[in-house]
Structure formats: structure tokens, C-alpha cells
N, C-alpha and C. Protein backbone atom coordinates (compact mmCIF):
# COMPACT_ATOMS: atom_id res chain seq x y z
N MET A 1 19.59 -28.37 108.84
CA MET A 1 19.06 -28.21 107.72
C MET A 1 19.37 -27.51 106.17
N TYR A 2 18.24 -27.94 105.37
CA TYR A 2 18.77 -27.02 104.25
C TYR A 2 18.63 -25.65 103.96
N GLN A 3 19.51 -24.69 103.75
CA GLN A 3 19.42 -23.27 103.16
C GLN A 3 18.77 -22.95 102.32
N PHE A 4 17.89 -22.45 101.95
CA PHE A 4 16.88 -22.49 100.40
C PHE A 4 17.23 -21.14 100.13
N ASP A 5 17.50 -20.51 99.04
CA ASP A 5 17.77 -19.51 98.47
C ASP A 5 16.55 -19.18 97.37
N ILE A 6 16.11 -18.19 97.42
CA ILE A 6 15.07 -17.90 96.94
C ILE A 6 14.88 -17.45 95.23
N ARG A 7 16.54 -16.58 95.43
CA ARG A 7 16.51 -16.32 93.79
C ARG A 7 16.73 -17.12 93.14
N LEU A 8 17.55 -18.30 93.78
CA LEU A 8 18.24 -19.34 92.63
C LEU A 8 16.87 -20.30 92.02
N TYR A 9 15.61 -20.25 93.13
CA TYR A 9 14.50 -20.70 92.01
C TYR A 9 14.33 -20.23 91.67
N PHE A 10 13.88 -18.91 91.66
CA PHE A 10 13.53 -18.46 90.55
C PHE A 10 14.48 -18.15 89.45
N LEU A 11 15.57 -18.06 89.22
CA LEU A 11 16.20 -18.23 88.24
C LEU A 11 15.90 -19.28 87.59
N TYR A 12 16.54 -20.71 88.42
CA TYR A 12 15.57 -22.46 87.73
C TYR A 12 14.37 -22.07 87.11
N LEU A 13 13.55 -21.75 88.06
CA LEU A 13 11.93 -21.70 87.44
C LEU A 13 12.13 -20.73 85.48
N TYR A 14 12.96 -19.48 85.76
CA TYR A 14 12.68 -18.52 84.79
C TYR A 14 13.60 -19.04 83.36
N GLN A 15 14.62 -20.12 83.80
CA GLN A 15 15.66 -20.62 82.87
C GLN A 15 14.51 -21.95 82.58
N ASN A 16 14.13 -22.51 83.01
CA ASN A 16 13.41 -23.92 82.40
C ASN A 16 11.63 -23.15 81.58
N ILE A 17 11.30 -22.46 82.01
CA ILE A 17 10.12 -21.64 81.32
C ILE A 17 10.79 -20.95 79.89
N ILE A 18 11.96 -20.66 80.14
CA ILE A 18 12.26 -20.09 78.44
C ILE A 18 12.72 -21.27 78.19
N ALA A 19 13.31 -22.84 78.53
CA ALA A 19 13.80 -23.47 77.79
C ALA A 19 12.70 -24.27 76.66
N VAL A 20 11.10 -23.99 77.32
CA VAL A 20 10.00 -25.31 76.59
C VAL A 20 9.41 -24.07 75.80
N GLU A 21 9.66 -23.49 74.71
CA GLU A 21 8.99 -22.12 74.11
C GLU A 21 7.67 -23.16 73.72
N LYS A 22 6.68 -22.75 73.58
CA LYS A 22 5.53 -22.61 73.13
C LYS A 22 5.06 -22.30 71.71
N LYS A 23 4.80 -23.22 70.83
CA LYS A 23 4.35 -22.78 69.45
C LYS A 23 2.66 -23.01 69.26
N CYS A 24 2.92 -21.84 68.42
CA CYS A 24 1.13 -21.72 67.40
C CYS A 24 0.99 -22.94 66.95
N LEU A 25 -0.47 -23.30 67.34
CA LEU A 25 -1.18 -24.55 66.56
C LEU A 25 -1.08 -24.37 65.06
N ASP A 26 -0.99 -23.40 64.70
CA ASP A 26 -1.36 -23.45 63.15
C ASP A 26 -0.57 -22.57 62.66
N CYS A 27 0.40 -21.94 62.69
CA CYS A 27 1.60 -21.55 61.78
C CYS A 27 3.17 -21.87 62.46
N GLY A 28 3.09 -22.49 63.99
CA GLY A 28 4.19 -22.94 64.66
C GLY A 28 5.15 -21.98 64.98
N ASP A 29 4.88 -20.57 65.10
CA ASP A 29 5.58 -19.60 65.58
C ASP A 29 5.87 -19.80 66.99
N THR A 30 6.60 -19.15 67.62
CA THR A 30 7.01 -18.67 69.06
C THR A 30 5.77 -17.61 69.49
N LEU A 31 4.97 -18.69 70.85
CA LEU A 31 4.36 -17.61 71.60
C LEU A 31 4.79 -16.68 72.44
N ARG A 32 4.54 -15.54 72.19
CA ARG A 32 4.72 -14.45 73.45
C ARG A 32 3.67 -14.26 74.62
N GLY A 33 3.70 -13.57 75.77
CA GLY A 33 2.76 -13.13 76.38
C GLY A 33 2.07 -13.88 77.31
N ARG A 34 0.72 -14.21 77.21
CA ARG A 34 0.20 -15.52 78.00
C ARG A 34 0.23 -16.83 78.40
N PHE A 35 0.81 -17.28 79.23
CA PHE A 35 1.46 -18.90 79.48
C PHE A 35 0.63 -19.85 78.67
N ASP A 36 -0.88 -19.56 78.98
CA ASP A 36 -1.90 -20.01 78.39
C ASP A 36 -2.40 -19.98 76.53
N LYS A 37 -1.50 -19.41 76.22
CA LYS A 37 -1.68 -18.75 74.78
C LYS A 37 -1.85 -20.41 73.78
N LYS A 38 -2.67 -20.29 72.87
CA LYS A 38 -2.40 -21.62 71.89
C LYS A 38 -2.29 -20.79 70.13
N PHE A 39 -2.14 -19.44 70.44
CA PHE A 39 -2.35 -19.43 69.29
C PHE A 39 -1.46 -17.82 68.51
N CYS A 40 -0.73 -17.40 67.54
CA CYS A 40 -0.31 -16.21 68.19
C CYS A 40 -0.97 -14.78 67.83
N SER A 41 -2.08 -15.42 66.87
CA SER A 41 -3.40 -14.27 66.17
C SER A 41 -4.48 -14.77 66.16
N ASP A 42 -5.70 -14.10 65.71
CA ASP A 42 -7.03 -14.03 65.38
C ASP A 42 -6.85 -15.04 64.44
N GLN A 43 -6.32 -14.41 63.34
CA GLN A 43 -5.92 -15.24 62.00
C GLN A 43 -5.43 -16.85 62.23
N CYS A 44 -4.66 -16.92 62.97
CA CYS A 44 -3.85 -18.36 63.34
C CYS A 44 -5.12 -19.32 63.92
N ARG A 45 -6.27 -18.65 64.81
CA ARG A 45 -7.14 -19.14 65.45
C ARG A 45 -7.64 -19.07 64.85
N ASN A 46 -8.66 -18.62 63.97
CA ASN A 46 -9.45 -19.02 62.83
C ASN A 46 -9.52 -20.18 61.90
N ASN A 47 -8.05 -19.97 61.80
CA ASN A 47 -7.56 -21.00 60.48
C ASN A 47 -7.26 -22.17 61.22
N TYR A 48 -6.77 -22.50 62.06
CA TYR A 48 -7.16 -23.28 62.88
C TYR A 48 -8.49 -24.02 63.22
N ASN A 49 -9.09 -23.47 63.42
CA ASN A 49 -10.80 -24.10 64.01
C ASN A 49 -11.42 -24.49 62.62
N ASN A 50 -11.20 -23.37 61.43
CA ASN A 50 -12.34 -24.10 60.31
C ASN A 50 -11.33 -25.00 59.64
N ARG A 51 -9.91 -25.71 59.69
CA ARG A 51 -9.89 -26.47 58.88
C ARG A 51 -10.09 -27.99 60.31
N LEU A 52 -10.02 -27.94 61.26
CA LEU A 52 -11.16 -28.63 62.16
C LEU A 52 -12.33 -28.72 61.82
N ASN A 53 -13.55 -28.30 61.00
CA ASN A 53 -14.68 -27.83 60.73
C ASN A 53 -15.17 -28.12 60.04
N ARG A 54 -13.94 -28.33 58.98
CA ARG A 54 -14.49 -28.15 57.56
C ARG A 54 -15.37 -28.99 57.06
N ASP A 55 -14.98 -30.39 57.51
CA ASP A 55 -15.62 -31.72 56.69
C ASP A 55 -16.66 -31.65 57.16
N SER A 56 -17.21 -31.26 58.37
CA SER A 56 -18.84 -31.18 58.46
C SER A 56 -19.59 -30.07 58.40
N ASN A 57 -18.68 -29.16 58.40
CA ASN A 57 -19.33 -28.15 57.87
C ASN A 57 -19.48 -28.15 56.32
N ASN A 58 -19.32 -28.94 55.67
CA ASN A 58 -19.39 -29.20 54.05
C ASN A 58 -20.09 -30.10 54.06
N PHE A 59 -20.41 -30.81 54.45
CA PHE A 59 -21.60 -31.94 55.03
C PHE A 59 -22.96 -31.12 55.01
N VAL A 60 -23.23 -30.09 55.69
CA VAL A 60 -23.97 -29.29 56.09
C VAL A 60 -24.34 -28.60 55.12
N ARG A 61 -23.16 -28.06 54.63
CA ARG A 61 -23.66 -26.90 53.34
C ARG A 61 -24.23 -27.42 52.02
N ASN A 62 -23.60 -28.65 51.77
CA ASN A 62 -23.93 -29.57 50.75
C ASN A 62 -25.27 -30.13 50.94
N VAL A 63 -25.88 -30.74 52.22
CA VAL A 63 -26.77 -30.90 51.90
C VAL A 63 -28.03 -29.59 52.03
N HIS A 64 -28.08 -28.44 52.74
CA HIS A 64 -28.58 -27.49 52.86
C HIS A 64 -28.89 -26.97 51.03
N GLY A 65 -27.86 -27.10 50.54
CA GLY A 65 -27.71 -26.78 49.24
C GLY A 65 -28.95 -27.15 48.14
N LEU A 66 -28.58 -28.72 48.29
CA LEU A 66 -29.69 -29.42 47.65
C LEU A 66 -31.44 -29.36 48.38
N LEU A 67 -31.57 -29.06 49.62
CA LEU A 67 -32.98 -29.29 50.35
C LEU A 67 -32.98 -27.52 49.23
N ARG A 68 -32.59 -26.37 49.33
CA ARG A 68 -32.68 -25.28 48.67
C ARG A 68 -33.18 -25.41 47.24
N LYS A 69 -32.33 -26.35 46.57
CA LYS A 69 -32.54 -26.78 45.08
C LYS A 69 -34.00 -27.20 45.16
N ASN A 70 -34.44 -28.94 45.90
CA ASN A 70 -35.41 -28.76 45.48
C ASN A 70 -36.82 -27.98 46.09
N ARG A 71 -36.70 -27.00 46.80
CA ARG A 71 -37.61 -26.25 47.06
C ARG A 71 -38.08 -25.16 46.31
N ARG A 72 -36.59 -24.45 45.79
CA ARG A 72 -36.88 -23.80 44.51
C ARG A 72 -37.88 -24.34 43.10
N ILE A 73 -37.33 -25.63 42.90
CA ILE A 73 -37.54 -26.14 41.94
C ILE A 73 -39.65 -26.29 41.98
N LEU A 74 -39.63 -26.50 43.60
CA LEU A 74 -41.47 -26.98 43.75
C LEU A 74 -41.88 -26.02 43.68
N SER A 75 -41.19 -25.19 44.43
CA SER A 75 -41.84 -23.73 44.22
C SER A 75 -42.02 -22.43 43.21
N ASP A 76 -41.46 -22.92 42.09
CA ASP A 76 -40.98 -22.33 41.04
C ASP A 76 -42.94 -23.03 40.37
N LEU A 77 -42.48 -24.39 39.96
CA LEU A 77 -43.88 -25.04 39.20
C LEU A 77 -44.80 -25.35 40.17
N TYR A 78 -45.26 -24.34 41.29
CA TYR A 78 -46.30 -24.33 42.26
C TYR A 78 -46.36 -22.98 42.01
N ALA A 79 -45.34 -22.41 41.70
CA ALA A 79 -46.14 -20.72 41.78
C ALA A 79 -46.82 -20.57 40.15
N GLU A 80 -46.32 -21.62 39.33
CA GLU A 80 -46.63 -21.38 37.59
C GLU A 80 -48.08 -22.09 37.65
N GLY A 81 -48.76 -22.68 38.78
CA GLY A 81 -49.98 -23.16 38.40
C GLY A 81 -49.76 -24.17 38.52
N LYS A 82 -49.04 -25.77 38.42
CA LYS A 82 -48.82 -26.72 38.00
C LYS A 82 -49.20 -27.23 39.65
N VAL A 83 -50.21 -28.23 39.24
CA VAL A 83 -50.69 -28.87 39.89
C VAL A 83 -50.19 -30.44 39.85
N LYS A 84 -50.06 -30.95 38.79
CA LYS A 84 -49.93 -32.60 38.94
C LYS A 84 -48.47 -31.93 37.56
N VAL A 85 -47.52 -33.24 37.81
CA VAL A 85 -45.92 -33.30 37.19
C VAL A 85 -46.15 -34.74 37.29
N HIS A 86 -44.91 -34.69 35.89
CA HIS A 86 -44.72 -36.11 36.05
C HIS A 86 -42.79 -35.72 36.47
N LYS A 87 -42.93 -37.26 37.27
CA LYS A 87 -41.78 -37.09 37.85
C LYS A 87 -39.96 -36.75 36.74
N ASP A 88 -40.42 -37.48 35.68
CA ASP A 88 -39.42 -37.26 34.64
C ASP A 88 -38.94 -35.17 34.97
N ALA A 89 -40.00 -34.78 34.33
CA ALA A 89 -39.93 -33.36 34.51
C ALA A 89 -39.09 -32.91 36.07
N LEU A 90 -39.34 -33.07 37.20
CA LEU A 90 -38.82 -32.91 38.29
C LEU A 90 -37.23 -33.38 38.02
N PHE A 91 -37.41 -34.70 37.81
CA PHE A 91 -35.69 -35.01 37.66
C PHE A 91 -34.82 -33.96 36.15
N ALA A 92 -35.79 -33.89 35.32
CA ALA A 92 -34.98 -33.22 34.58
C ALA A 92 -34.60 -31.39 34.81
N LEU A 93 -35.18 -30.98 36.19
CA LEU A 93 -35.11 -29.52 36.50
C LEU A 93 -34.22 -30.14 37.97
N GLY A 94 -33.33 -31.06 38.04
CA GLY A 94 -32.45 -32.00 38.75
C GLY A 94 -32.33 -31.61 40.16
N TYR A 95 -34.35 -32.38 40.26
CA TYR A 95 -35.25 -32.70 41.68
C TYR A 95 -34.41 -33.72 42.10
N ASN A 96 -34.15 -33.51 43.40
CA ASN A 96 -33.09 -35.26 44.28
C ASN A 96 -33.91 -35.60 44.95
N PHE A 97 -34.75 -36.67 44.45
CA PHE A 97 -35.81 -37.15 45.40
C PHE A 97 -35.52 -37.86 46.65
N SER A 98 -34.03 -38.16 47.13
CA SER A 98 -33.61 -38.49 47.80
C SER A 98 -33.58 -37.39 49.59
N PHE A 99 -33.74 -36.03 49.21
CA PHE A 99 -33.20 -35.05 50.38
C PHE A 99 -34.75 -34.31 50.40
N PHE A 100 -35.34 -34.59 51.69
CA PHE A 100 -36.81 -33.48 51.88
C PHE A 100 -36.58 -33.54 53.09
N THR A 101 -36.88 -31.88 53.77
CA THR A 101 -37.54 -32.56 55.26
C THR A 101 -38.29 -32.78 56.08
N HIS A 102 -39.00 -33.16 55.46
CA HIS A 102 -40.15 -34.22 56.14
C HIS A 102 -41.32 -34.62 55.33
N ILE A 103 -42.05 -35.52 56.13
CA ILE A 103 -43.09 -36.45 55.53
C ILE A 103 -44.35 -36.18 55.88
N ILE A 104 -45.53 -36.08 55.54
CA ILE A 104 -46.58 -36.18 56.23
C ILE A 104 -47.81 -36.97 55.85
N GLU A 105 -48.63 -37.99 56.59
CA GLU A 105 -49.48 -38.85 56.21
C GLU A 105 -50.75 -38.20 56.08
N THR A 106 -51.90 -38.09 55.17
CA THR A 106 -53.10 -37.72 55.24
C THR A 106 -53.80 -38.80 55.58
N SER A 107 -55.06 -38.62 56.22
CA SER A 107 -56.15 -39.70 56.84
C SER A 107 -56.41 -40.46 55.83
N LYS A 108 -56.47 -39.40 54.37
CA LYS A 108 -56.59 -40.40 53.09
C LYS A 108 -55.97 -41.45 52.58
N GLY A 109 -54.87 -41.48 53.84
CA GLY A 109 -53.42 -42.44 53.29
C GLY A 109 -52.46 -42.21 52.41
N GLN A 110 -52.53 -40.38 51.93
CA GLN A 110 -51.79 -40.30 50.91
C GLN A 110 -50.65 -39.80 52.00
N THR A 111 -49.20 -39.85 51.14
CA THR A 111 -48.02 -39.54 51.89
C THR A 111 -47.29 -38.67 51.05
N PHE A 112 -47.51 -37.64 51.77
CA PHE A 112 -46.51 -35.85 50.87
C PHE A 112 -45.18 -35.90 51.45
N HIS A 113 -44.33 -35.75 50.55
CA HIS A 113 -42.67 -35.51 50.70
C HIS A 113 -42.60 -34.16 50.80
N TYR A 114 -42.59 -33.62 51.84
CA TYR A 114 -42.32 -31.87 51.95
C TYR A 114 -40.64 -31.88 51.95
N CYS A 115 -40.52 -30.18 51.40
CA CYS A 115 -38.91 -29.93 51.16
C CYS A 115 -39.55 -28.41 51.67
N PHE A 116 -39.34 -28.27 52.83
CA PHE A 116 -39.85 -27.09 53.69
C PHE A 116 -41.30 -27.45 53.69
N GLU A 117 -41.63 -25.96 53.01
CA GLU A 117 -43.35 -25.65 52.60
C GLU A 117 -44.18 -26.21 51.59
N TYR A 118 -43.31 -26.89 50.75
CA TYR A 118 -43.38 -27.56 49.42
C TYR A 118 -43.61 -28.94 48.99
N GLY A 119 -43.96 -29.72 48.90
CA GLY A 119 -44.28 -30.84 48.72
C GLY A 119 -45.17 -31.91 48.00
N TYR A 120 -45.03 -32.82 47.90
CA TYR A 120 -45.65 -33.98 46.47
C TYR A 120 -45.66 -35.09 47.08
N CYS A 121 -47.27 -36.04 46.24
CA CYS A 121 -47.58 -37.20 46.88
C CYS A 121 -47.41 -37.82 45.24
N GLU A 122 -47.77 -39.13 45.50
CA GLU A 122 -47.75 -40.06 44.35
C GLU A 122 -49.67 -39.79 43.47
N ALA A 123 -49.32 -39.89 42.53
CA ALA A 123 -50.83 -39.01 42.21
C ALA A 123 -50.96 -40.45 41.21
N GLY A 124 -49.96 -41.42 40.57
CA GLY A 124 -50.69 -42.60 39.84
C GLY A 124 -49.80 -42.02 38.34
N ASN A 125 -49.35 -43.05 37.71
CA ASN A 125 -48.43 -43.18 36.53
C ASN A 125 -47.92 -42.38 36.41
N ASP A 126 -46.73 -42.17 37.56
CA ASP A 126 -45.49 -41.83 37.62
C ASP A 126 -45.77 -39.94 37.77
N PHE A 127 -46.70 -39.82 37.94
CA PHE A 127 -47.30 -38.11 38.11
C PHE A 127 -47.43 -37.83 39.56
N LEU A 128 -47.09 -36.55 39.72
CA LEU A 128 -47.05 -36.16 41.36
C LEU A 128 -47.95 -35.30 41.79
N GLU A 129 -48.18 -34.87 42.73
CA GLU A 129 -49.02 -34.03 42.89
C GLU A 129 -48.55 -33.35 43.93
N LEU A 130 -48.32 -31.58 43.62
CA LEU A 130 -47.79 -30.54 44.23
C LEU A 130 -48.54 -30.05 45.02
N LYS A 131 -48.08 -30.09 46.40
CA LYS A 131 -48.90 -28.63 47.46
C LYS A 131 -47.93 -28.13 48.54
N GLN A 132 -48.93 -26.91 48.67
CA GLN A 132 -48.25 -26.55 49.47
C GLN A 132 -48.89 -26.35 50.71
N ASN A 133 -47.81 -26.30 52.16
CA ASN A 133 -48.26 -26.40 53.66
C ASN A 133 -48.36 -24.95 53.81
N SER A 134 -49.71 -24.63 54.16
CA SER A 134 -50.21 -23.08 54.76
C SER A 134 -49.86 -23.14 56.34
N GLN A 135 -49.62 -24.59 56.94
CA GLN A 135 -49.49 -24.56 58.28
C GLN A 135 -47.88 -24.45 58.60
N TYR A 136 -47.04 -24.85 57.52
CA TYR A 136 -45.71 -24.47 57.93
C TYR A 136 -45.00 -22.81 57.88
N ILE A 137 -45.94 -22.27 56.93
CA ILE A 137 -45.84 -20.90 57.16
C ILE A 137 -46.19 -19.75 58.33
N GLU A 138 -46.94 -20.16 58.37
CA GLU A 138 -48.00 -19.90 59.89
C GLU A 138 -46.91 -19.91 60.77
N TYR A 139 -46.06 -21.27 61.32
CA TYR A 139 -44.84 -21.39 62.30
C TYR A 139 -43.96 -20.53 62.41
N GLN A 140 -43.92 -19.61 61.21
CA GLN A 140 -42.67 -18.81 61.05
C GLN A 140 -42.81 -17.80 62.00
């Protein structure tokens, strides 16, 4: 039978573990400590994950910024007491008609495009009727 020397086995394992140095996924430095470590520091972990999520986060950030801008424009006009506004006036203020949070159709057949609690519907001759949805505020 084979004679098995445990010391030689551990020496072999130790040498092979040392030979395979793990590198940080962000900066490439040699990792020390736990064998399942992937990053050398919290900063590297954050950098790596931020870089992975950058594209999707930027898209969400940009859309949210457009929605906030649209809401602010409608809110300012509504606060000034404007109930009817021309489309060109909204466009001149930077309103983007492609971005809104939801659509509500009334029983009268009107379709309101809302940006959070402020909305508008077509009133004819390129005029828009502004409205604040008080139900939206009650949900908060």
C-alpha cells in the first residue's frame, strides 16, 4: 500500500494556493485574507458596482429629471391660476410631451395626461386645460 505523508500533502496545497494569486476585480491588486474575497477594499467594491450599474442608473436619472421638470412647469402654471394654456407656451417653458406618469380618461371622454398630480387635456385650438388631481395627494 501507499504511504501517505500528510505533511507533504499540506505543503503541496500551500504551494499551489500561493501560486494562484487572486486579483481585485476593480484595481487588480493582489488580495489578502479570505479565500473568497473579490475586492481589496470597500472603495474598489463600490467603484466596480457603480461602473456596472452606471448605464441603467443614468437612464432612470434622466427620465426622472424630465418628469420632475414637467411637473414643476405644470405646478407653476397651476399655482399662477392658469387653467387654460397654449401648447406652445408649455413647449417654450421646456415641457416634454413624451414624458408623463399616467393617463386618466374621464366619463365625459376627456383624456388627461398627468405628471404626478398635475395634468392636462386637449381643450381645442391647441389649448390645454390644466388640472390638479386631489386623489393623487390623498394616496400619500
